[in-house]
Amino acid sequence: MSSFGQKEGVWICTFQDVKAVVQLLRDAVIRVYNASKSQENKGDKMTLLYNYFVGSEFSEQWKAIREGFMGMKMSIQRERDQMEKM
């Protein structure tokens, strides 16, 4: 084998390639860990999110946002009407 390859399930590299291989392996291990960590308790998180959306707290916040938006919209419309009268 000239520099880098696999033989009977074992990866073989030169001493010059060791640093690069170690960096690749470290990056791969970190990515696998992060992927598994993000999937941890996924069902519980979905249940909590669903309960929040169907709960009264979200409903009240949505109503407050909607009322604020409608109030601003009405204010802009009244101002527009007054400007058109002028």
PDB file of N, CA and C in Angstrom:
ATOM      1  N   MET A   1       0.859  -1.170   0.000  1.00  0.00           N
ATOM      2  CA  MET A   1       0.000   0.000   0.000  1.00  0.00           C
ATOM      3  C   MET A   1       0.902   1.229   0.000  1.00  0.00           C
ATOM      4  N   SER A   2       0.587   2.152  -0.904  1.00  0.00           N
ATOM      5  CA  SER A   2       1.495   3.292  -1.075  1.00  0.00           C
ATOM      6  C   SER A   2       1.370   4.326   0.041  1.00  0.00           C
ATOM      7  N   SER A   3       0.129   4.737   0.382  1.00  0.00           N
ATOM      8  CA  SER A   3       0.030   5.774   1.422  1.00  0.00           C
ATOM      9  C   SER A   3      -1.171   5.606   2.341  1.00  0.00           C
ATOM     10  N   PHE A   4      -2.344   5.399   1.782  1.00  0.00           N
ATOM     11  CA  PHE A   4      -3.537   5.382   2.603  1.00  0.00           C
ATOM     12  C   PHE A   4      -4.535   4.405   2.011  1.00  0.00           C
ATOM     13  N   GLY A   5      -5.149   3.600   2.871  1.00  0.00           N
ATOM     14  CA  GLY A   5      -6.141   2.669   2.376  1.00  0.00           C
ATOM     15  C   GLY A   5      -6.638   1.738   3.460  1.00  0.00           C
ATOM     16  N   GLN A   6      -7.421   0.766   3.042  1.00  0.00           N
ATOM     17  CA  GLN A   6      -8.008  -0.177   3.980  1.00  0.00           C
ATOM     18  C   GLN A   6      -7.607  -1.591   3.567  1.00  0.00           C
ATOM     19  N   LYS A   7      -7.206  -2.371   4.553  1.00  0.00           N
ATOM     20  CA  LYS A   7      -6.820  -3.756   4.299  1.00  0.00           C
ATOM     21  C   LYS A   7      -7.433  -4.630   5.379  1.00  0.00           C
ATOM     22  N   GLU A   8      -8.300  -5.544   4.965  1.00  0.00           N
ATOM     23  CA  GLU A   8      -8.971  -6.477   5.870  1.00  0.00           C
ATOM     24  C   GLU A   8      -9.700  -5.745   7.002  1.00  0.00           C
ATOM     25  N   GLY A   9     -10.358  -4.641   6.648  1.00  0.00           N
ATOM     26  CA  GLY A   9     -11.148  -3.901   7.628  1.00  0.00           C
ATOM     27  C   GLY A   9     -10.361  -2.948   8.496  1.00  0.00           C
ATOM     28  N   VAL A  10      -9.047  -2.818   8.244  1.00  0.00           N
ATOM     29  CA  VAL A  10      -8.204  -1.930   9.047  1.00  0.00           C
ATOM     30  C   VAL A  10      -7.700  -0.808   8.143  1.00  0.00           C
ATOM     31  N   TRP A  11      -7.879   0.429   8.600  1.00  0.00           N
ATOM     32  CA  TRP A  11      -7.389   1.568   7.835  1.00  0.00           C
ATOM     33  C   TRP A  11      -5.907   1.754   8.107  1.00  0.00           C
ATOM     34  N   ILE A  12      -5.139   1.948   7.044  1.00  0.00           N
ATOM     35  CA  ILE A  12      -3.689   2.068   7.144  1.00  0.00           C
ATOM     36  C   ILE A  12      -3.282   3.399   6.527  1.00  0.00           C
ATOM     37  N   CYS A  13      -2.374   4.113   7.216  1.00  0.00           N
ATOM     38  CA  CYS A  13      -1.867   5.374   6.688  1.00  0.00           C
ATOM     39  C   CYS A  13      -0.416   5.547   7.090  1.00  0.00           C
ATOM     40  N   THR A  14       0.231   6.509   6.472  1.00  0.00           N
ATOM     41  CA  THR A  14       1.621   6.808   6.811  1.00  0.00           C
ATOM     42  C   THR A  14       1.645   7.684   8.062  1.00  0.00           C
ATOM     43  N   PHE A  15       2.841   7.826   8.637  1.00  0.00           N
ATOM     44  CA  PHE A  15       2.970   8.671   9.817  1.00  0.00           C
ATOM     45  C   PHE A  15       2.661  10.128   9.492  1.00  0.00           C
ATOM     46  N   GLN A  16       2.897  10.534   8.243  1.00  0.00           N
ATOM     47  CA  GLN A  16       2.608  11.909   7.848  1.00  0.00           C
ATOM     48  C   GLN A  16       1.092  12.147   7.783  1.00  0.00           C
ATOM     49  N   ASP A  17       0.324  11.098   7.517  1.00  0.00           N
ATOM     50  CA  ASP A  17      -1.131  11.223   7.397  1.00  0.00           C
ATOM     51  C   ASP A  17      -1.865  11.096   8.727  1.00  0.00           C
ATOM     52  N   VAL A  18      -1.191  10.717   9.777  1.00  0.00           N
ATOM     53  CA  VAL A  18      -1.848  10.447  11.062  1.00  0.00           C
ATOM     54  C   VAL A  18      -2.590  11.673  11.581  1.00  0.00           C
ATOM     55  N   LYS A  19      -1.969  12.848  11.529  1.00  0.00           N
ATOM     56  CA  LYS A  19      -2.620  14.055  12.057  1.00  0.00           C
ATOM     57  C   LYS A  19      -3.921  14.349  11.318  1.00  0.00           C
ATOM     58  N   ALA A  20      -3.898  14.214   9.996  1.00  0.00           N
ATOM     59  CA  ALA A  20      -5.105  14.470   9.220  1.00  0.00           C
ATOM     60  C   ALA A  20      -6.187  13.452   9.541  1.00  0.00           C
ATOM     61  N   VAL A  21      -5.821  12.192   9.669  1.00  0.00           N
ATOM     62  CA  VAL A  21      -6.794  11.138   9.976  1.00  0.00           C
ATOM     63  C   VAL A  21      -7.401  11.360  11.361  1.00  0.00           C
ATOM     64  N   VAL A  22      -6.583  11.745  12.311  1.00  0.00           N
ATOM     65  CA  VAL A  22      -7.076  12.002  13.670  1.00  0.00           C
ATOM     66  C   VAL A  22      -8.075  13.160  13.648  1.00  0.00           C
ATOM     67  N   GLN A  23      -7.769  14.216  12.894  1.00  0.00           N
ATOM     68  CA  GLN A  23      -8.691  15.356  12.789  1.00  0.00           C
ATOM     69  C   GLN A  23     -10.023  14.920  12.182  1.00  0.00           C
ATOM     70  N   LEU A  24      -9.967  14.103  11.127  1.00  0.00           N
ATOM     71  CA  LEU A  24     -11.192  13.605  10.492  1.00  0.00           C
ATOM     72  C   LEU A  24     -12.008  12.754  11.453  1.00  0.00           C
ATOM     73  N   LEU A  25     -11.349  11.863  12.158  1.00  0.00           N
ATOM     74  CA  LEU A  25     -12.058  10.996  13.109  1.00  0.00           C
ATOM     75  C   LEU A  25     -12.681  11.804  14.242  1.00  0.00           C
ATOM     76  N   ARG A  26     -11.942  12.786  14.748  1.00  0.00           N
ATOM     77  CA  ARG A  26     -12.467  13.631  15.826  1.00  0.00           C
ATOM     78  C   ARG A  26     -13.706  14.383  15.357  1.00  0.00           C
ATOM     79  N   ASP A  27     -13.643  14.962  14.167  1.00  0.00           N
ATOM     80  CA  ASP A  27     -14.783  15.681  13.619  1.00  0.00           C
ATOM     81  C   ASP A  27     -15.978  14.752  13.443  1.00  0.00           C
ATOM     82  N   ALA A  28     -15.741  13.544  12.958  1.00  0.00           N
ATOM     83  CA  ALA A  28     -16.831  12.579  12.755  1.00  0.00           C
ATOM     84  C   ALA A  28     -17.470  12.186  14.086  1.00  0.00           C
ATOM     85  N   VAL A  29     -16.657  11.959  15.107  1.00  0.00           N
ATOM     86  CA  VAL A  29     -17.191  11.586  16.427  1.00  0.00           C
ATOM     87  C   VAL A  29     -18.030  12.723  17.004  1.00  0.00           C
ATOM     88  N   ILE A  30     -17.552  13.961  16.859  1.00  0.00           N
ATOM     89  CA  ILE A  30     -18.306  15.111  17.367  1.00  0.00           C
ATOM     90  C   ILE A  30     -19.635  15.251  16.638  1.00  0.00           C
ATOM     91  N   ARG A  31     -19.642  15.071  15.325  1.00  0.00           N
ATOM     92  CA  ARG A  31     -20.886  15.173  14.555  1.00  0.00           C
ATOM     93  C   ARG A  31     -21.885  14.089  14.950  1.00  0.00           C
ATOM     94  N   VAL A  32     -21.405  12.877  15.147  1.00  0.00           N
ATOM     95  CA  VAL A  32     -22.291  11.784  15.559  1.00  0.00           C
ATOM     96  C   VAL A  32     -22.874  12.079  16.936  1.00  0.00           C
ATOM     97  N   TYR A  33     -22.036  12.575  17.848  1.00  0.00           N
ATOM     98  CA  TYR A  33     -22.509  12.915  19.188  1.00  0.00           C
ATOM     99  C   TYR A  33     -23.582  14.001  19.127  1.00  0.00           C
ATOM    100  N   ASN A  34     -23.316  15.066  18.351  1.00  0.00           N
ATOM    101  CA  ASN A  34     -24.290  16.160  18.241  1.00  0.00           C
ATOM    102  C   ASN A  34     -25.599  15.688  17.623  1.00  0.00           C
ATOM    103  N   ALA A  35     -25.518  14.810  16.634  1.00  0.00           N
ATOM    104  CA  ALA A  35     -26.734  14.284  16.011  1.00  0.00           C
ATOM    105  C   ALA A  35     -27.533  13.450  17.004  1.00  0.00           C
ATOM    106  N   SER A  36     -26.860  12.620  17.765  1.00  0.00           N
ATOM    107  CA  SER A  36     -27.579  11.791  18.738  1.00  0.00           C
ATOM    108  C   SER A  36     -28.136  12.640  19.879  1.00  0.00           C
ATOM    109  N   LYS A  37     -27.402  13.684  20.258  1.00  0.00           N
ATOM    110  CA  LYS A  37     -27.866  14.566  21.338  1.00  0.00           C
ATOM    111  C   LYS A  37     -29.129  15.328  20.914  1.00  0.00           C
ATOM    112  N   SER A  38     -29.192  15.730  19.636  1.00  0.00           N
ATOM    113  CA  SER A  38     -30.363  16.479  19.176  1.00  0.00           C
ATOM    114  C   SER A  38     -31.600  15.590  19.102  1.00  0.00           C
ATOM    115  N   GLN A  39     -31.422  14.297  18.958  1.00  0.00           N
ATOM    116  CA  GLN A  39     -32.558  13.378  18.887  1.00  0.00           C
ATOM    117  C   GLN A  39     -33.009  12.900  20.268  1.00  0.00           C
ATOM    118  N   GLU A  40     -32.227  13.231  21.288  1.00  0.00           N
ATOM    119  CA  GLU A  40     -32.529  12.788  22.651  1.00  0.00           C
ATOM    120  C   GLU A  40     -33.833  13.402  23.137  1.00  0.00           C
ATOM    121  N   ASN A  41     -34.692  12.598  23.704  1.00  0.00           N
ATOM    122  CA  ASN A  41     -35.984  13.038  24.251  1.00  0.00           C
ATOM    123  C   ASN A  41     -36.857  13.749  23.218  1.00  0.00           C
ATOM    124  N   LYS A  42     -36.735  13.357  21.981  1.00  0.00           N
ATOM    125  CA  LYS A  42     -37.491  14.012  20.909  1.00  0.00           C
ATOM    126  C   LYS A  42     -38.996  13.889  21.139  1.00  0.00           C
ATOM    127  N   GLY A  43     -39.459  12.726  21.557  1.00  0.00           N
ATOM    128  CA  GLY A  43     -40.886  12.530  21.813  1.00  0.00           C
ATOM    129  C   GLY A  43     -41.392  13.420  22.933  1.00  0.00           C
ATOM    130  N   ASP A  44     -40.599  13.540  23.991  1.00  0.00           N
ATOM    131  CA  ASP A  44     -40.990  14.399  25.115  1.00  0.00           C
ATOM    132  C   ASP A  44     -41.080  15.854  24.687  1.00  0.00           C
ATOM    133  N   LYS A  45     -40.110  16.280  23.866  1.00  0.00           N
ATOM    134  CA  LYS A  45     -40.104  17.666  23.406  1.00  0.00           C
ATOM    135  C   LYS A  45     -41.315  17.943  22.523  1.00  0.00           C
ATOM    136  N   MET A  46     -41.665  16.991  21.671  1.00  0.00           N
ATOM    137  CA  MET A  46     -42.836  17.174  20.806  1.00  0.00           C
ATOM    138  C   MET A  46     -44.107  17.260  21.637  1.00  0.00           C
ATOM    139  N   THR A  47     -44.208  16.443  22.667  1.00  0.00           N
ATOM    140  CA  THR A  47     -45.381  16.470  23.540  1.00  0.00           C
ATOM    141  C   THR A  47     -45.478  17.808  24.265  1.00  0.00           C
ATOM    142  N   LEU A  48     -44.351  18.292  24.764  1.00  0.00           N
ATOM    143  CA  LEU A  48     -44.354  19.591  25.455  1.00  0.00           C
ATOM    144  C   LEU A  48     -44.756  20.714  24.500  1.00  0.00           C
ATOM    145  N   LEU A  49     -44.230  20.678  23.286  1.00  0.00           N
ATOM    146  CA  LEU A  49     -44.570  21.702  22.309  1.00  0.00           C
ATOM    147  C   LEU A  49     -46.044  21.655  21.941  1.00  0.00           C
ATOM    148  N   TYR A  50     -46.584  20.461  21.740  1.00  0.00           N
ATOM    149  CA  TYR A  50     -48.003  20.309  21.422  1.00  0.00           C
ATOM    150  C   TYR A  50     -48.870  20.839  22.567  1.00  0.00           C
ATOM    151  N   ASN A  51     -48.515  20.465  23.776  1.00  0.00           N
ATOM    152  CA  ASN A  51     -49.280  20.929  24.943  1.00  0.00           C
ATOM    153  C   ASN A  51     -49.237  22.455  25.063  1.00  0.00           C
ATOM    154  N   TYR A  52     -48.105  23.063  24.722  1.00  0.00           N
ATOM    155  CA  TYR A  52     -47.999  24.523  24.766  1.00  0.00           C
ATOM    156  C   TYR A  52     -48.925  25.151  23.725  1.00  0.00           C
ATOM    157  N   PHE A  53     -48.916  24.602  22.497  1.00  0.00           N
ATOM    158  CA  PHE A  53     -49.742  25.178  21.432  1.00  0.00           C
ATOM    159  C   PHE A  53     -51.231  25.051  21.697  1.00  0.00           C
ATOM    160  N   VAL A  54     -51.660  23.977  22.329  1.00  0.00           N
ATOM    161  CA  VAL A  54     -53.093  23.814  22.583  1.00  0.00           C
ATOM    162  C   VAL A  54     -53.503  24.389  23.931  1.00  0.00           C
ATOM    163  N   GLY A  55     -52.523  24.871  24.696  1.00  0.00           N
ATOM    164  CA  GLY A  55     -52.813  25.400  26.018  1.00  0.00           C
ATOM    165  C   GLY A  55     -53.285  26.834  25.986  1.00  0.00           C
ATOM    166  N   SER A  56     -53.709  27.305  27.137  1.00  0.00           N
ATOM    167  CA  SER A  56     -54.270  28.658  27.236  1.00  0.00           C
ATOM    168  C   SER A  56     -53.188  29.736  27.167  1.00  0.00           C
ATOM    169  N   GLU A  57     -51.982  29.428  27.621  1.00  0.00           N
ATOM    170  CA  GLU A  57     -50.913  30.432  27.613  1.00  0.00           C
ATOM    171  C   GLU A  57     -50.623  30.904  26.183  1.00  0.00           C
ATOM    172  N   PHE A  58     -50.456  29.961  25.262  1.00  0.00           N
ATOM    173  CA  PHE A  58     -50.204  30.332  23.868  1.00  0.00           C
ATOM    174  C   PHE A  58     -51.394  31.072  23.284  1.00  0.00           C
ATOM    175  N   SER A  59     -52.586  30.606  23.606  1.00  0.00           N
ATOM    176  CA  SER A  59     -53.797  31.244  23.093  1.00  0.00           C
ATOM    177  C   SER A  59     -53.879  32.698  23.544  1.00  0.00           C
ATOM    178  N   GLU A  60     -53.596  32.939  24.807  1.00  0.00           N
ATOM    179  CA  GLU A  60     -53.643  34.305  25.339  1.00  0.00           C
ATOM    180  C   GLU A  60     -52.583  35.190  24.698  1.00  0.00           C
ATOM    181  N   GLN A  61     -51.388  34.653  24.517  1.00  0.00           N
ATOM    182  CA  GLN A  61     -50.332  35.442  23.881  1.00  0.00           C
ATOM    183  C   GLN A  61     -50.700  35.754  22.435  1.00  0.00           C
ATOM    184  N   TRP A  62     -51.271  34.787  21.738  1.00  0.00           N
ATOM    185  CA  TRP A  62     -51.672  35.003  20.351  1.00  0.00           C
ATOM    186  C   TRP A  62     -52.761  36.080  20.273  1.00  0.00           C
ATOM    187  N   LYS A  63     -53.717  36.030  21.195  1.00  0.00           N
ATOM    188  CA  LYS A  63     -54.776  37.046  21.213  1.00  0.00           C
ATOM    189  C   LYS A  63     -54.189  38.425  21.447  1.00  0.00           C
ATOM    190  N   ALA A  64     -53.232  38.528  22.360  1.00  0.00           N
ATOM    191  CA  ALA A  64     -52.614  39.822  22.657  1.00  0.00           C
ATOM    192  C   ALA A  64     -51.865  40.349  21.438  1.00  0.00           C
ATOM    193  N   ILE A  65     -51.165  39.499  20.763  1.00  0.00           N
ATOM    194  CA  ILE A  65     -50.442  39.921  19.557  1.00  0.00           C
ATOM    195  C   ILE A  65     -51.432  40.367  18.484  1.00  0.00           C
ATOM    196  N   ARG A  66     -52.475  39.568  18.291  1.00  0.00           N
ATOM    197  CA  ARG A  66     -53.478  39.894  17.281  1.00  0.00           C
ATOM    198  C   ARG A  66     -54.179  41.217  17.589  1.00  0.00           C
ATOM    199  N   GLU A  67     -54.544  41.422  18.849  1.00  0.00           N
ATOM    200  CA  GLU A  67     -55.208  42.669  19.235  1.00  0.00           C
ATOM    201  C   GLU A  67     -54.286  43.868  19.024  1.00  0.00           C
ATOM    202  N   GLY A  68     -53.014  43.704  19.362  1.00  0.00           N
ATOM    203  CA  GLY A  68     -52.050  44.781  19.137  1.00  0.00           C
ATOM    204  C   GLY A  68     -51.909  45.103  17.665  1.00  0.00           C
ATOM    205  N   PHE A  69     -51.841  44.085  16.852  1.00  0.00           N
ATOM    206  CA  PHE A  69     -51.735  44.278  15.406  1.00  0.00           C
ATOM    207  C   PHE A  69     -52.983  44.956  14.859  1.00  0.00           C
ATOM    208  N   MET A  70     -54.143  44.485  15.278  1.00  0.00           N
ATOM    209  CA  MET A  70     -55.395  45.069  14.791  1.00  0.00           C
ATOM    210  C   MET A  70     -55.515  46.531  15.234  1.00  0.00           C
ATOM    211  N   GLY A  71     -55.080  46.825  16.463  1.00  0.00           N
ATOM    212  CA  GLY A  71     -55.102  48.206  16.954  1.00  0.00           C
ATOM    213  C   GLY A  71     -54.216  49.111  16.112  1.00  0.00           C
ATOM    214  N   MET A  72     -53.018  48.635  15.793  1.00  0.00           N
ATOM    215  CA  MET A  72     -52.122  49.426  14.946  1.00  0.00           C
ATOM    216  C   MET A  72     -52.715  49.598  13.551  1.00  0.00           C
ATOM    217  N   LYS A  73     -53.326  48.564  13.032  1.00  0.00           N
ATOM    218  CA  LYS A  73     -53.922  48.631  11.697  1.00  0.00           C
ATOM    219  C   LYS A  73     -55.062  49.663  11.682  1.00  0.00           C
ATOM    220  N   MET A  74     -55.900  49.637  12.714  1.00  0.00           N
ATOM    221  CA  MET A  74     -57.007  50.597  12.806  1.00  0.00           C
ATOM    222  C   MET A  74     -56.469  52.025  12.940  1.00  0.00           C
ATOM    223  N   SER A  75     -55.420  52.203  13.726  1.00  0.00           N
ATOM    224  CA  SER A  75     -54.823  53.521  13.915  1.00  0.00           C
ATOM    225  C   SER A  75     -54.271  54.053  12.595  1.00  0.00           C
ATOM    226  N   ILE A  76     -53.599  53.206  11.853  1.00  0.00           N
ATOM    227  CA  ILE A  76     -53.070  53.618  10.555  1.00  0.00           C
ATOM    228  C   ILE A  76     -54.202  53.963   9.595  1.00  0.00           C
ATOM    229  N   GLN A  77     -55.269  53.183   9.625  1.00  0.00           N
ATOM    230  CA  GLN A  77     -56.411  53.455   8.742  1.00  0.00           C
ATOM    231  C   GLN A  77     -57.071  54.783   9.092  1.00  0.00           C
ATOM    232  N   ARG A  78     -57.256  55.076  10.392  1.00  0.00           N
ATOM    233  CA  ARG A  78     -57.839  56.360  10.813  1.00  0.00           C
ATOM    234  C   ARG A  78     -56.954  57.520  10.384  1.00  0.00           C
ATOM    235  N   GLU A  79     -55.637  57.335  10.546  1.00  0.00           N
ATOM    236  CA  GLU A  79     -54.709  58.381  10.140  1.00  0.00           C
ATOM    237  C   GLU A  79     -54.769  58.597   8.629  1.00  0.00           C
ATOM    238  N   ARG A  80     -54.874  57.524   7.888  1.00  0.00           N
ATOM    239  CA  ARG A  80     -54.982  57.617   6.429  1.00  0.00           C
ATOM    240  C   ARG A  80     -56.268  58.356   6.038  1.00  0.00           C
ATOM    241  N   ASP A  81     -57.355  58.003   6.703  1.00  0.00           N
ATOM    242  CA  ASP A  81     -58.649  58.660   6.417  1.00  0.00           C
ATOM    243  C   ASP A  81     -58.563  60.153   6.701  1.00  0.00           C
ATOM    244  N   GLN A  82     -57.932  60.523   7.821  1.00  0.00           N
ATOM    245  CA  GLN A  82     -57.802  61.944   8.157  1.00  0.00           C
ATOM    246  C   GLN A  82     -56.946  62.677   7.144  1.00  0.00           C
ATOM    247  N   MET A  83     -55.884  62.035   6.690  1.00  0.00           N
ATOM    248  CA  MET A  83     -55.020  62.659   5.696  1.00  0.00           C
ATOM    249  C   MET A  83     -55.741  62.850   4.368  1.00  0.00           C
ATOM    250  N   GLU A  84     -56.582  61.897   4.008  1.00  0.00           N
ATOM    251  CA  GLU A  84     -57.332  62.003   2.768  1.00  0.00           C
ATOM    252  C   GLU A  84     -58.375  63.128   2.854  1.00  0.00           C
ATOM    253  N   LYS A  85     -58.950  63.350   4.048  1.00  0.00           N
ATOM    254  CA  LYS A  85     -59.923  64.437   4.233  1.00  0.00           C
ATOM    255  C   LYS A  85     -59.259  65.798   4.080  1.00  0.00           C
ATOM    256  N   MET A  86     -58.012  65.847   4.558  1.00  0.00           N
ATOM    257  CA  MET A  86     -57.275  67.122   4.467  1.00  0.00           C
ATOM    258  C   MET A  86     -56.930  67.388   3.035  1.00  0.00           C
TER     259      MET A  86
END
